[in-house]
Amino acid sequence: MEIFLEILKYSAPLILALIMVYLVIDQFLKNEEKRRNFLIRKKDSSEIIRLKLQAFERMILFLERIELEGLYARLKNSSRTDDLLRFAMVKTIQAEFDHNLSQQIYLSEEAWHFIKTAKDKSISMVHGAFSKAEQDKISLMEGIKEVKSELEAQPQDIAISFLKTEIKKYLG
């Protein structure tokens, strides 16, 4: 019995020390795994923010490209009639929009709604300008200017303003 107590006297602290080492190492490994997961999430988050900012950039570029006076200037040539020019403008607006459709996954529904509204209003403004030009016997460009002057705010400007406020959420 004395030998058993002697063995127990030396082995009990050793067993307790091993248990403590095991618990400390286990806790360390759990914390290390949490830290790695946090770093991965942080990296993924910054990548998503980068993609969202690129989407905002592309959509602002889209909105600038469908601005009617600039679009008219890019598409106008001496051989195009106003009717062909109207068709080309509408086709270009729709093509630009279709090219950027995938960007909607990075934008809020409200932001996407503003962009779609700007596109739709731009197309209807082209048609309205063409009708006004035919009716008043003026050029399509003059019709565009008149239709634009009837609006308090241009649809692209409204959408761009909204996108800029959305961007500020990601930039701090």
C-alpha atoms as a PDB file:
ATOM      1  CA  MET A   1       0.000   0.000   0.000  1.00  0.00           C
ATOM      2  CA  GLU A   2       2.893   2.299   0.759  1.00  0.00           C
ATOM      3  CA  ILE A   3       4.300   1.777  -2.742  1.00  0.00           C
ATOM      4  CA  PHE A   4       0.922   2.646  -4.233  1.00  0.00           C
ATOM      5  CA  LEU A   5       0.785   5.914  -2.268  1.00  0.00           C
ATOM      6  CA  GLU A   6       4.365   6.726  -3.289  1.00  0.00           C
ATOM      7  CA  ILE A   7       3.509   6.145  -6.995  1.00  0.00           C
ATOM      8  CA  LEU A   8       0.317   8.183  -6.603  1.00  0.00           C
ATOM      9  CA  LYS A   9       2.233  10.973  -4.891  1.00  0.00           C
ATOM     10  CA  TYR A  10       4.516  11.360  -7.925  1.00  0.00           C
ATOM     11  CA  SER A  11       2.065  10.500 -10.723  1.00  0.00           C
ATOM     12  CA  ALA A  12      -0.909  12.636  -9.610  1.00  0.00           C
ATOM     13  CA  PRO A  13       0.885  15.976 -10.210  1.00  0.00           C
ATOM     14  CA  LEU A  14       2.159  14.620 -13.537  1.00  0.00           C
ATOM     15  CA  ILE A  15      -1.353  13.603 -14.609  1.00  0.00           C
ATOM     16  CA  LEU A  16      -2.717  17.001 -13.529  1.00  0.00           C
ATOM     17  CA  ALA A  17       0.078  18.756 -15.439  1.00  0.00           C
ATOM     18  CA  LEU A  18      -0.678  16.701 -18.572  1.00  0.00           C
ATOM     19  CA  ILE A  19      -4.391  17.545 -18.296  1.00  0.00           C
ATOM     20  CA  MET A  20      -3.543  21.225 -17.923  1.00  0.00           C
ATOM     21  CA  VAL A  21      -1.166  21.146 -20.927  1.00  0.00           C
ATOM     22  CA  TYR A  22      -3.856  19.396 -22.983  1.00  0.00           C
ATOM     23  CA  LEU A  23      -6.480  22.026 -22.035  1.00  0.00           C
ATOM     24  CA  VAL A  24      -4.117  24.920 -22.784  1.00  0.00           C
ATOM     25  CA  ILE A  25      -3.110  23.490 -26.177  1.00  0.00           C
ATOM     26  CA  ASP A  26      -6.741  22.700 -27.025  1.00  0.00           C
ATOM     27  CA  GLN A  27      -7.811  26.255 -26.170  1.00  0.00           C
ATOM     28  CA  PHE A  28      -4.891  27.670 -28.164  1.00  0.00           C
ATOM     29  CA  LEU A  29      -5.819  25.614 -31.250  1.00  0.00           C
ATOM     30  CA  LYS A  30      -9.469  26.692 -31.009  1.00  0.00           C
ATOM     31  CA  ASN A  31      -8.460  30.346 -30.759  1.00  0.00           C
ATOM     32  CA  GLU A  32      -6.063  29.946 -33.675  1.00  0.00           C
ATOM     33  CA  GLU A  33      -8.836  28.427 -35.810  1.00  0.00           C
ATOM     34  CA  LYS A  34     -11.178  31.298 -34.897  1.00  0.00           C
ATOM     35  CA  ARG A  35      -8.465  33.788 -35.834  1.00  0.00           C
ATOM     36  CA  ARG A  36      -7.889  32.102 -39.213  1.00  0.00           C
ATOM     37  CA  ASN A  37     -11.634  32.040 -39.936  1.00  0.00           C
ATOM     38  CA  PHE A  38     -11.875  35.729 -39.041  1.00  0.00           C
ATOM     39  CA  LEU A  39      -9.007  36.601 -41.387  1.00  0.00           C
ATOM     40  CA  ILE A  40     -10.619  34.616 -44.199  1.00  0.00           C
ATOM     41  CA  ARG A  41     -13.964  36.364 -43.654  1.00  0.00           C
ATOM     42  CA  LYS A  42     -12.215  39.725 -43.524  1.00  0.00           C
ATOM     43  CA  LYS A  43     -10.417  39.008 -46.807  1.00  0.00           C
ATOM     44  CA  ASP A  44     -13.669  37.825 -48.449  1.00  0.00           C
ATOM     45  CA  SER A  45     -15.459  40.899 -47.165  1.00  0.00           C
ATOM     46  CA  SER A  46     -12.884  43.266 -48.648  1.00  0.00           C
ATOM     47  CA  GLU A  47     -13.089  41.395 -51.971  1.00  0.00           C
ATOM     48  CA  ILE A  48     -16.880  41.743 -52.000  1.00  0.00           C
ATOM     49  CA  ILE A  49     -16.620  45.452 -51.227  1.00  0.00           C
ATOM     50  CA  ARG A  50     -14.130  45.827 -54.097  1.00  0.00           C
ATOM     51  CA  LEU A  51     -16.561  44.085 -56.463  1.00  0.00           C
ATOM     52  CA  LYS A  52     -19.452  46.246 -55.260  1.00  0.00           C
ATOM     53  CA  LEU A  53     -17.450  49.411 -55.812  1.00  0.00           C
ATOM     54  CA  GLN A  54     -16.545  48.227 -59.314  1.00  0.00           C
ATOM     55  CA  ALA A  55     -20.247  47.617 -59.993  1.00  0.00           C
ATOM     56  CA  PHE A  56     -21.078  51.147 -58.842  1.00  0.00           C
ATOM     57  CA  GLU A  57     -18.328  52.478 -61.083  1.00  0.00           C
ATOM     58  CA  ARG A  58     -19.647  50.554 -64.089  1.00  0.00           C
ATOM     59  CA  MET A  59     -23.218  51.649 -63.484  1.00  0.00           C
ATOM     60  CA  ILE A  60     -22.222  55.315 -63.182  1.00  0.00           C
ATOM     61  CA  LEU A  61     -20.321  54.922 -66.447  1.00  0.00           C
ATOM     62  CA  PHE A  62     -23.440  53.343 -67.982  1.00  0.00           C
ATOM     63  CA  LEU A  63     -25.584  56.242 -66.803  1.00  0.00           C
ATOM     64  CA  GLU A  64     -23.114  58.741 -68.249  1.00  0.00           C
ATOM     65  CA  ARG A  65     -22.972  56.876 -71.554  1.00  0.00           C
ATOM     66  CA  ILE A  66     -26.751  56.976 -72.001  1.00  0.00           C
ATOM     67  CA  GLU A  67     -26.941  60.746 -71.417  1.00  0.00           C
ATOM     68  CA  LEU A  68     -28.900  61.804 -74.504  1.00  0.00           C
ATOM     69  CA  GLU A  69     -26.833  64.718 -75.799  1.00  0.00           C
ATOM     70  CA  GLY A  70     -23.608  62.728 -75.558  1.00  0.00           C
ATOM     71  CA  LEU A  71     -25.260  59.688 -77.095  1.00  0.00           C
ATOM     72  CA  TYR A  72     -26.589  61.827 -79.935  1.00  0.00           C
ATOM     73  CA  ALA A  73     -23.110  63.248 -80.588  1.00  0.00           C
ATOM     74  CA  ARG A  74     -21.530  59.782 -80.637  1.00  0.00           C
ATOM     75  CA  LEU A  75     -24.112  58.308 -83.013  1.00  0.00           C
ATOM     76  CA  LYS A  76     -24.840  61.247 -85.309  1.00  0.00           C
ATOM     77  CA  ASN A  77     -23.383  61.193 -88.768  1.00  0.00           C
ATOM     78  CA  SER A  78     -24.458  63.053 -91.871  1.00  0.00           C
ATOM     79  CA  SER A  79     -26.068  60.068 -93.589  1.00  0.00           C
ATOM     80  CA  ARG A  80     -28.401  59.094 -90.735  1.00  0.00           C
ATOM     81  CA  THR A  81     -31.949  60.326 -90.757  1.00  0.00           C
ATOM     82  CA  ASP A  82     -33.571  61.291 -87.459  1.00  0.00           C
ATOM     83  CA  ASP A  83     -35.609  58.087 -87.572  1.00  0.00           C
ATOM     84  CA  LEU A  84     -32.489  55.933 -87.961  1.00  0.00           C
ATOM     85  CA  LEU A  85     -30.739  57.974 -85.300  1.00  0.00           C
ATOM     86  CA  ARG A  86     -33.633  57.430 -82.874  1.00  0.00           C
ATOM     87  CA  PHE A  87     -33.458  53.676 -83.555  1.00  0.00           C
ATOM     88  CA  ALA A  88     -29.667  53.675 -83.027  1.00  0.00           C
ATOM     89  CA  MET A  89     -29.991  55.628 -79.767  1.00  0.00           C
ATOM     90  CA  VAL A  90     -32.630  53.286 -78.336  1.00  0.00           C
ATOM     91  CA  LYS A  91     -30.653  50.248 -79.465  1.00  0.00           C
ATOM     92  CA  THR A  92     -27.453  51.627 -77.900  1.00  0.00           C
ATOM     93  CA  ILE A  93     -29.169  52.408 -74.577  1.00  0.00           C
ATOM     94  CA  GLN A  94     -30.618  48.892 -74.438  1.00  0.00           C
ATOM     95  CA  ALA A  95     -27.306  47.297 -75.457  1.00  0.00           C
ATOM     96  CA  GLU A  96     -25.410  49.256 -72.795  1.00  0.00           C
ATOM     97  CA  PHE A  97     -27.975  48.166 -70.207  1.00  0.00           C
ATOM     98  CA  ASP A  98     -27.845  44.523 -71.310  1.00  0.00           C
ATOM     99  CA  HIS A  99     -24.041  44.612 -71.134  1.00  0.00           C
ATOM    100  CA  ASN A 100     -24.228  45.639 -67.461  1.00  0.00           C
ATOM    101  CA  LEU A 101     -27.093  43.403 -66.317  1.00  0.00           C
ATOM    102  CA  SER A 102     -24.864  41.213 -64.177  1.00  0.00           C
ATOM    103  CA  GLN A 103     -23.888  44.182 -62.002  1.00  0.00           C
ATOM    104  CA  GLN A 104     -27.275  44.096 -60.311  1.00  0.00           C
ATOM    105  CA  ILE A 105     -26.117  41.304 -57.994  1.00  0.00           C
ATOM    106  CA  TYR A 106     -23.752  43.774 -56.310  1.00  0.00           C
ATOM    107  CA  LEU A 107     -26.300  46.596 -55.964  1.00  0.00           C
ATOM    108  CA  SER A 108     -29.270  47.087 -53.692  1.00  0.00           C
ATOM    109  CA  GLU A 109     -32.720  46.616 -55.179  1.00  0.00           C
ATOM    110  CA  GLU A 110     -33.364  50.317 -54.768  1.00  0.00           C
ATOM    111  CA  ALA A 111     -30.174  51.255 -56.643  1.00  0.00           C
ATOM    112  CA  TRP A 112     -31.045  48.851 -59.441  1.00  0.00           C
ATOM    113  CA  HIS A 113     -34.541  50.348 -59.597  1.00  0.00           C
ATOM    114  CA  PHE A 114     -33.055  53.841 -60.084  1.00  0.00           C
ATOM    115  CA  ILE A 115     -30.823  52.526 -62.876  1.00  0.00           C
ATOM    116  CA  LYS A 116     -33.667  50.758 -64.672  1.00  0.00           C
ATOM    117  CA  THR A 117     -35.850  53.849 -64.318  1.00  0.00           C
ATOM    118  CA  ALA A 118     -33.103  56.025 -65.810  1.00  0.00           C
ATOM    119  CA  LYS A 119     -32.763  53.622 -68.726  1.00  0.00           C
ATOM    120  CA  ASP A 120     -36.518  53.465 -69.346  1.00  0.00           C
ATOM    121  CA  LYS A 121     -36.938  57.244 -69.069  1.00  0.00           C
ATOM    122  CA  SER A 122     -34.017  57.789 -71.423  1.00  0.00           C
ATOM    123  CA  ILE A 123     -35.638  55.570 -74.030  1.00  0.00           C
ATOM    124  CA  SER A 124     -38.987  57.310 -73.627  1.00  0.00           C
ATOM    125  CA  MET A 125     -37.239  60.692 -73.851  1.00  0.00           C
ATOM    126  CA  VAL A 126     -35.673  59.643 -77.170  1.00  0.00           C
ATOM    127  CA  HIS A 127     -39.106  58.716 -78.502  1.00  0.00           C
ATOM    128  CA  GLY A 128     -40.595  61.941 -77.101  1.00  0.00           C
ATOM    129  CA  ALA A 129     -37.822  64.024 -78.638  1.00  0.00           C
ATOM    130  CA  PHE A 130     -38.353  62.347 -81.997  1.00  0.00           C
ATOM    131  CA  SER A 131     -42.104  63.027 -81.854  1.00  0.00           C
ATOM    132  CA  LYS A 132     -41.459  66.649 -80.865  1.00  0.00           C
ATOM    133  CA  ALA A 133     -38.906  67.029 -83.659  1.00  0.00           C
ATOM    134  CA  GLU A 134     -41.331  65.683 -86.260  1.00  0.00           C
ATOM    135  CA  GLN A 135     -44.237  67.746 -84.943  1.00  0.00           C
ATOM    136  CA  ASP A 136     -42.348  71.039 -84.631  1.00  0.00           C
ATOM    137  CA  LYS A 137     -40.152  70.465 -87.717  1.00  0.00           C
ATOM    138  CA  ILE A 138     -36.952  70.769 -85.705  1.00  0.00           C
ATOM    139  CA  SER A 139     -33.855  68.586 -85.465  1.00  0.00           C
ATOM    140  CA  LEU A 140     -33.759  65.605 -83.139  1.00  0.00           C
ATOM    141  CA  MET A 141     -31.097  67.367 -81.058  1.00  0.00           C
ATOM    142  CA  GLU A 142     -33.377  70.346 -80.518  1.00  0.00           C
ATOM    143  CA  GLY A 143     -36.164  67.914 -79.602  1.00  0.00           C
ATOM    144  CA  ILE A 144     -33.868  66.260 -77.061  1.00  0.00           C
ATOM    145  CA  LYS A 145     -33.035  69.623 -75.508  1.00  0.00           C
ATOM    146  CA  GLU A 146     -36.717  70.543 -75.261  1.00  0.00           C
ATOM    147  CA  VAL A 147     -37.711  67.198 -73.737  1.00  0.00           C
ATOM    148  CA  LYS A 148     -34.847  67.444 -71.234  1.00  0.00           C
ATOM    149  CA  SER A 149     -35.810  70.990 -70.285  1.00  0.00           C
ATOM    150  CA  GLU A 150     -39.319  69.813 -69.384  1.00  0.00           C
ATOM    151  CA  LEU A 151     -37.951  67.629 -66.595  1.00  0.00           C
ATOM    152  CA  GLU A 152     -36.984  69.051 -63.214  1.00  0.00           C
ATOM    153  CA  ALA A 153     -34.149  66.563 -62.855  1.00  0.00           C
ATOM    154  CA  GLN A 154     -32.583  64.255 -65.377  1.00  0.00           C
ATOM    155  CA  PRO A 155     -33.102  60.529 -64.657  1.00  0.00           C
ATOM    156  CA  GLN A 156     -29.369  59.800 -64.954  1.00  0.00           C
ATOM    157  CA  ASP A 157     -28.547  62.544 -62.468  1.00  0.00           C
ATOM    158  CA  ILE A 158     -31.054  61.154 -59.955  1.00  0.00           C
ATOM    159  CA  ALA A 159     -29.640  57.645 -60.317  1.00  0.00           C
ATOM    160  CA  ILE A 160     -26.024  58.820 -60.094  1.00  0.00           C
ATOM    161  CA  SER A 161     -26.821  60.849 -56.988  1.00  0.00           C
ATOM    162  CA  PHE A 162     -28.406  57.805 -55.363  1.00  0.00           C
ATOM    163  CA  LEU A 163     -25.443  55.590 -56.305  1.00  0.00           C
ATOM    164  CA  LYS A 164     -23.028  58.102 -54.800  1.00  0.00           C
ATOM    165  CA  THR A 165     -24.886  57.987 -51.484  1.00  0.00           C
ATOM    166  CA  GLU A 166     -24.804  54.184 -51.623  1.00  0.00           C
ATOM    167  CA  ILE A 167     -21.057  54.212 -52.301  1.00  0.00           C
ATOM    168  CA  LYS A 168     -20.465  56.283 -49.167  1.00  0.00           C
ATOM    169  CA  LYS A 169     -21.786  53.359 -47.114  1.00  0.00           C
ATOM    170  CA  TYR A 170     -18.851  51.250 -48.269  1.00  0.00           C
ATOM    171  CA  LEU A 171     -16.209  53.921 -48.019  1.00  0.00           C
ATOM    172  CA  GLY A 172     -16.812  54.777 -44.411  1.00  0.00           C
END
